[in-house]
Amino acid sequence: WMLGEYRLLIDGVCAASWKLYQMPHCCAICVSCSAYVQPDFRGKRLGTTLNSLRQEIARLLGYSLLLCTDVTKNEHQRKLLKTQGWKDIYEVYNKRTTNNVVISVINL
C-alpha cells in the first residue's frame, strides 16, 4: 500500500478510481480525493466497500485522520460518508465552480 492513484479493474475495465495523498506540512492527515465509480458499476455497494478500503489503507500507512471534500449536490457520496461515520466539519462556497463544498473527516 502507498500514497498515490488507485484503480479497480474488473474484467480489464476500470470500475473505480481514487487518490490518496499526505496533507502538505502535516503527516497526521491523509487526503482522499477524486473518488469515482463508473456508472455501470454504481448501485452495487462498490462505493461503500472502496470507502472502507481507503480508510484501511490510510490506517496501514500510519495516518490518524482521513479527509475528503465533496460537493453538496453529490447526494450518493454525501449519504455514503454519513452512514460510514464521517463528520462534516466545514462547508464553503467555491467561487470558481459555483459549487458548495463540504470538508469531511474520519478518525482512523
N, C-alpha and C. Protein backbone atom coordinates (compact mmCIF):
# COMPACT_ATOMS: atom_id res chain seq x y z
N TRP A 1 0.85 -1.18 0.00
CA TRP A 1 0.00 0.00 0.00
C TRP A 1 0.88 1.23 0.00
N MET A 2 0.40 2.28 -0.66
CA MET A 2 1.18 3.51 -0.77
C MET A 2 0.25 4.68 -1.09
N LEU A 3 0.80 5.86 -1.03
CA LEU A 3 0.07 7.04 -1.46
C LEU A 3 0.07 7.08 -2.98
N GLY A 4 -0.91 7.76 -3.55
CA GLY A 4 -0.96 7.89 -5.00
C GLY A 4 -2.32 7.49 -5.54
N GLU A 5 -2.33 7.12 -6.81
CA GLU A 5 -3.58 6.82 -7.50
C GLU A 5 -3.86 5.32 -7.51
N TYR A 6 -5.11 4.98 -7.27
CA TYR A 6 -5.56 3.59 -7.29
C TYR A 6 -6.65 3.44 -8.34
N ARG A 7 -6.67 2.26 -8.97
CA ARG A 7 -7.73 1.92 -9.93
C ARG A 7 -8.17 0.50 -9.65
N LEU A 8 -9.47 0.29 -9.65
CA LEU A 8 -10.03 -1.05 -9.51
C LEU A 8 -10.45 -1.51 -10.89
N LEU A 9 -9.82 -2.58 -11.36
CA LEU A 9 -10.15 -3.14 -12.66
C LEU A 9 -11.01 -4.38 -12.48
N ILE A 10 -12.09 -4.43 -13.23
CA ILE A 10 -12.97 -5.60 -13.24
C ILE A 10 -13.06 -6.06 -14.68
N ASP A 11 -12.57 -7.26 -14.93
CA ASP A 11 -12.52 -7.79 -16.30
C ASP A 11 -11.83 -6.82 -17.25
N GLY A 12 -10.76 -6.21 -16.77
CA GLY A 12 -9.96 -5.31 -17.59
C GLY A 12 -10.53 -3.91 -17.75
N VAL A 13 -11.67 -3.65 -17.12
CA VAL A 13 -12.32 -2.34 -17.22
C VAL A 13 -12.13 -1.60 -15.90
N CYS A 14 -11.79 -0.31 -15.97
CA CYS A 14 -11.64 0.50 -14.76
C CYS A 14 -13.03 0.78 -14.19
N ALA A 15 -13.35 0.09 -13.09
CA ALA A 15 -14.66 0.24 -12.46
C ALA A 15 -14.69 1.41 -11.48
N ALA A 16 -13.54 1.71 -10.89
CA ALA A 16 -13.48 2.79 -9.90
C ALA A 16 -12.04 3.26 -9.77
N SER A 17 -11.91 4.48 -9.25
CA SER A 17 -10.57 5.02 -9.01
C SER A 17 -10.63 6.03 -7.87
N TRP A 18 -9.47 6.28 -7.27
CA TRP A 18 -9.35 7.27 -6.21
C TRP A 18 -7.87 7.58 -6.02
N LYS A 19 -7.61 8.64 -5.25
CA LYS A 19 -6.24 9.04 -4.95
C LYS A 19 -6.11 9.29 -3.46
N LEU A 20 -4.94 8.98 -2.92
CA LEU A 20 -4.62 9.25 -1.52
C LEU A 20 -3.32 10.03 -1.47
N TYR A 21 -3.32 11.12 -0.71
CA TYR A 21 -2.12 11.95 -0.57
C TYR A 21 -1.95 12.37 0.88
N GLN A 22 -0.73 12.65 1.27
CA GLN A 22 -0.48 13.24 2.58
C GLN A 22 -0.78 14.74 2.49
N MET A 23 -1.46 15.25 3.50
CA MET A 23 -1.72 16.69 3.52
C MET A 23 -0.38 17.41 3.65
N PRO A 24 -0.16 18.42 2.81
CA PRO A 24 1.10 19.16 2.89
C PRO A 24 1.35 19.69 4.31
N HIS A 25 2.53 19.49 4.79
CA HIS A 25 3.00 20.01 6.09
C HIS A 25 2.32 19.38 7.30
N CYS A 26 1.64 18.23 7.13
CA CYS A 26 1.00 17.56 8.26
C CYS A 26 0.95 16.06 8.01
N CYS A 27 1.83 15.32 8.65
CA CYS A 27 1.92 13.88 8.41
C CYS A 27 0.86 13.08 9.18
N ALA A 28 -0.05 13.74 9.89
CA ALA A 28 -1.13 13.04 10.60
C ALA A 28 -2.34 12.83 9.71
N ILE A 29 -2.45 13.62 8.62
CA ILE A 29 -3.67 13.63 7.82
C ILE A 29 -3.43 13.10 6.41
N CYS A 30 -4.25 12.15 6.03
CA CYS A 30 -4.25 11.63 4.66
C CYS A 30 -5.47 12.23 3.96
N VAL A 31 -5.29 12.65 2.72
CA VAL A 31 -6.36 13.25 1.94
C VAL A 31 -6.81 12.27 0.86
N SER A 32 -8.10 11.99 0.85
CA SER A 32 -8.70 11.15 -0.19
C SER A 32 -9.37 12.07 -1.19
N CYS A 33 -9.07 11.88 -2.47
CA CYS A 33 -9.67 12.74 -3.49
C CYS A 33 -9.92 11.97 -4.78
N SER A 34 -10.70 12.56 -5.63
CA SER A 34 -11.01 12.02 -6.96
C SER A 34 -11.62 10.63 -6.92
N ALA A 35 -12.37 10.32 -5.86
CA ALA A 35 -13.04 9.02 -5.78
C ALA A 35 -14.17 9.00 -6.81
N TYR A 36 -14.18 7.93 -7.62
CA TYR A 36 -15.16 7.85 -8.70
C TYR A 36 -15.48 6.40 -9.01
N VAL A 37 -16.76 6.10 -9.13
CA VAL A 37 -17.22 4.78 -9.56
C VAL A 37 -17.90 4.97 -10.91
N GLN A 38 -17.48 4.19 -11.89
CA GLN A 38 -18.05 4.27 -13.23
C GLN A 38 -19.56 3.97 -13.16
N PRO A 39 -20.36 4.66 -13.95
CA PRO A 39 -21.82 4.48 -13.91
C PRO A 39 -22.29 3.03 -14.01
N ASP A 40 -21.66 2.20 -14.84
CA ASP A 40 -22.09 0.81 -14.98
C ASP A 40 -21.90 -0.01 -13.71
N PHE A 41 -21.08 0.48 -12.76
CA PHE A 41 -20.78 -0.26 -11.54
C PHE A 41 -21.44 0.35 -10.31
N ARG A 42 -22.25 1.36 -10.50
CA ARG A 42 -22.92 2.01 -9.37
C ARG A 42 -24.12 1.19 -8.92
N GLY A 43 -24.54 1.41 -7.67
CA GLY A 43 -25.70 0.72 -7.13
C GLY A 43 -25.41 -0.70 -6.70
N LYS A 44 -24.13 -1.05 -6.57
CA LYS A 44 -23.74 -2.42 -6.20
C LYS A 44 -22.92 -2.44 -4.92
N ARG A 45 -22.97 -1.32 -4.17
CA ARG A 45 -22.24 -1.16 -2.89
C ARG A 45 -20.73 -1.09 -3.08
N LEU A 46 -20.28 -0.89 -4.29
CA LEU A 46 -18.85 -0.77 -4.56
C LEU A 46 -18.27 0.47 -3.88
N GLY A 47 -18.99 1.57 -3.91
CA GLY A 47 -18.53 2.80 -3.26
C GLY A 47 -18.33 2.61 -1.77
N THR A 48 -19.25 1.90 -1.14
CA THR A 48 -19.15 1.62 0.30
C THR A 48 -17.92 0.78 0.60
N THR A 49 -17.71 -0.26 -0.19
CA THR A 49 -16.56 -1.14 0.01
C THR A 49 -15.25 -0.38 -0.20
N LEU A 50 -15.20 0.43 -1.24
CA LEU A 50 -13.96 1.16 -1.53
C LEU A 50 -13.71 2.28 -0.52
N ASN A 51 -14.77 2.84 0.04
CA ASN A 51 -14.60 3.84 1.10
C ASN A 51 -13.92 3.17 2.30
N SER A 52 -14.37 1.99 2.66
CA SER A 52 -13.74 1.25 3.76
C SER A 52 -12.29 0.90 3.42
N LEU A 53 -12.04 0.53 2.19
CA LEU A 53 -10.68 0.21 1.77
C LEU A 53 -9.76 1.43 1.86
N ARG A 54 -10.23 2.59 1.43
CA ARG A 54 -9.43 3.82 1.54
C ARG A 54 -9.06 4.10 2.99
N GLN A 55 -10.03 3.90 3.88
CA GLN A 55 -9.75 4.10 5.31
C GLN A 55 -8.70 3.12 5.81
N GLU A 56 -8.83 1.87 5.41
CA GLU A 56 -7.88 0.85 5.87
C GLU A 56 -6.48 1.12 5.33
N ILE A 57 -6.37 1.53 4.08
CA ILE A 57 -5.06 1.86 3.52
C ILE A 57 -4.43 3.00 4.31
N ALA A 58 -5.21 4.04 4.59
CA ALA A 58 -4.68 5.17 5.35
C ALA A 58 -4.23 4.73 6.75
N ARG A 59 -5.00 3.84 7.38
CA ARG A 59 -4.61 3.29 8.69
C ARG A 59 -3.28 2.54 8.60
N LEU A 60 -3.19 1.66 7.60
CA LEU A 60 -1.97 0.87 7.42
C LEU A 60 -0.75 1.76 7.15
N LEU A 61 -0.98 2.90 6.54
CA LEU A 61 0.12 3.84 6.26
C LEU A 61 0.45 4.71 7.48
N GLY A 62 -0.29 4.54 8.56
CA GLY A 62 0.03 5.24 9.80
C GLY A 62 -0.64 6.58 10.01
N TYR A 63 -1.64 6.91 9.22
CA TYR A 63 -2.31 8.20 9.38
C TYR A 63 -3.32 8.15 10.52
N SER A 64 -3.60 9.29 11.11
CA SER A 64 -4.54 9.40 12.22
C SER A 64 -5.92 9.85 11.77
N LEU A 65 -5.99 10.50 10.60
CA LEU A 65 -7.25 11.08 10.13
C LEU A 65 -7.27 11.03 8.62
N LEU A 66 -8.45 10.75 8.07
CA LEU A 66 -8.65 10.79 6.62
C LEU A 66 -9.59 11.95 6.33
N LEU A 67 -9.27 12.76 5.34
CA LEU A 67 -10.03 13.95 4.98
C LEU A 67 -10.44 13.85 3.52
N CYS A 68 -11.65 14.33 3.22
CA CYS A 68 -12.07 14.40 1.83
C CYS A 68 -12.97 15.62 1.66
N THR A 69 -13.11 16.05 0.43
CA THR A 69 -14.05 17.12 0.10
C THR A 69 -15.05 16.57 -0.91
N ASP A 70 -16.21 17.17 -0.92
CA ASP A 70 -17.25 16.73 -1.84
C ASP A 70 -18.22 17.88 -2.06
N VAL A 71 -18.83 17.91 -3.23
CA VAL A 71 -19.85 18.92 -3.50
C VAL A 71 -21.17 18.47 -2.88
N THR A 72 -21.94 19.42 -2.39
CA THR A 72 -23.19 19.07 -1.69
C THR A 72 -24.20 18.39 -2.60
N LYS A 73 -24.14 18.66 -3.91
CA LYS A 73 -25.13 18.06 -4.81
C LYS A 73 -24.84 16.59 -5.13
N ASN A 74 -23.70 16.05 -4.67
CA ASN A 74 -23.38 14.64 -4.87
C ASN A 74 -24.07 13.84 -3.75
N GLU A 75 -25.38 13.65 -3.89
CA GLU A 75 -26.19 13.07 -2.84
C GLU A 75 -25.76 11.67 -2.43
N HIS A 76 -25.35 10.85 -3.38
CA HIS A 76 -24.96 9.48 -3.07
C HIS A 76 -23.70 9.45 -2.21
N GLN A 77 -22.71 10.24 -2.56
CA GLN A 77 -21.48 10.29 -1.78
C GLN A 77 -21.73 10.90 -0.40
N ARG A 78 -22.57 11.94 -0.34
CA ARG A 78 -22.87 12.57 0.95
C ARG A 78 -23.52 11.54 1.89
N LYS A 79 -24.45 10.73 1.35
CA LYS A 79 -25.12 9.70 2.15
C LYS A 79 -24.13 8.63 2.59
N LEU A 80 -23.27 8.19 1.67
CA LEU A 80 -22.29 7.16 1.98
C LEU A 80 -21.38 7.61 3.11
N LEU A 81 -20.87 8.83 3.03
CA LEU A 81 -19.97 9.33 4.07
C LEU A 81 -20.67 9.37 5.42
N LYS A 82 -21.90 9.85 5.42
CA LYS A 82 -22.65 9.95 6.68
C LYS A 82 -22.86 8.57 7.31
N THR A 83 -23.27 7.59 6.49
CA THR A 83 -23.55 6.26 7.03
C THR A 83 -22.28 5.54 7.49
N GLN A 84 -21.12 5.96 7.00
CA GLN A 84 -19.87 5.31 7.41
C GLN A 84 -19.13 6.07 8.49
N GLY A 85 -19.78 7.04 9.10
CA GLY A 85 -19.21 7.69 10.28
C GLY A 85 -18.35 8.92 10.03
N TRP A 86 -18.33 9.43 8.80
CA TRP A 86 -17.59 10.65 8.52
C TRP A 86 -18.30 11.84 9.16
N LYS A 87 -17.51 12.85 9.54
CA LYS A 87 -18.07 14.05 10.15
C LYS A 87 -17.81 15.24 9.22
N ASP A 88 -18.88 15.95 8.86
CA ASP A 88 -18.73 17.18 8.09
C ASP A 88 -18.23 18.27 9.04
N ILE A 89 -17.10 18.89 8.68
CA ILE A 89 -16.54 19.89 9.58
C ILE A 89 -16.60 21.32 9.04
N TYR A 90 -16.86 21.47 7.75
CA TYR A 90 -16.91 22.82 7.20
C TYR A 90 -17.55 22.78 5.82
N GLU A 91 -18.26 23.84 5.49
CA GLU A 91 -18.84 23.97 4.15
C GLU A 91 -18.46 25.34 3.61
N VAL A 92 -18.10 25.38 2.35
CA VAL A 92 -17.67 26.62 1.72
C VAL A 92 -18.25 26.71 0.31
N TYR A 93 -18.52 27.92 -0.12
CA TYR A 93 -18.97 28.16 -1.49
C TYR A 93 -17.73 28.36 -2.36
N ASN A 94 -17.60 27.55 -3.40
CA ASN A 94 -16.46 27.65 -4.31
C ASN A 94 -16.79 28.66 -5.41
N LYS A 95 -16.14 29.81 -5.35
CA LYS A 95 -16.39 30.87 -6.34
C LYS A 95 -15.96 30.46 -7.74
N ARG A 96 -15.03 29.54 -7.84
CA ARG A 96 -14.54 29.12 -9.15
C ARG A 96 -15.52 28.22 -9.89
N THR A 97 -16.21 27.35 -9.13
CA THR A 97 -17.11 26.38 -9.76
C THR A 97 -18.59 26.65 -9.46
N THR A 98 -18.86 27.52 -8.54
CA THR A 98 -20.19 27.83 -8.01
C THR A 98 -20.83 26.65 -7.27
N ASN A 99 -20.01 25.73 -6.81
CA ASN A 99 -20.50 24.60 -6.01
C ASN A 99 -20.32 24.89 -4.53
N ASN A 100 -21.19 24.32 -3.71
CA ASN A 100 -20.96 24.28 -2.28
C ASN A 100 -20.14 23.03 -2.00
N VAL A 101 -19.05 23.18 -1.26
CA VAL A 101 -18.13 22.10 -1.00
C VAL A 101 -18.09 21.82 0.50
N VAL A 102 -18.16 20.54 0.86
CA VAL A 102 -18.11 20.12 2.26
C VAL A 102 -16.78 19.43 2.51
N ILE A 103 -16.13 19.79 3.62
CA ILE A 103 -14.94 19.08 4.09
C ILE A 103 -15.39 18.09 5.13
N SER A 104 -15.05 16.82 4.92
CA SER A 104 -15.44 15.75 5.83
C SER A 104 -14.21 15.01 6.32
N VAL A 105 -14.27 14.50 7.56
CA VAL A 105 -13.14 13.78 8.14
C VAL A 105 -13.64 12.54 8.88
N ILE A 106 -12.71 11.59 9.03
CA ILE A 106 -12.97 10.43 9.88
C ILE A 106 -11.68 10.07 10.59
N ASN A 107 -11.77 9.84 11.90
CA ASN A 107 -10.61 9.40 12.66
C ASN A 107 -10.31 7.96 12.32
N LEU A 108 -9.03 7.66 12.26
CA LEU A 108 -8.64 6.29 11.89
C LEU A 108 -8.22 5.52 13.12
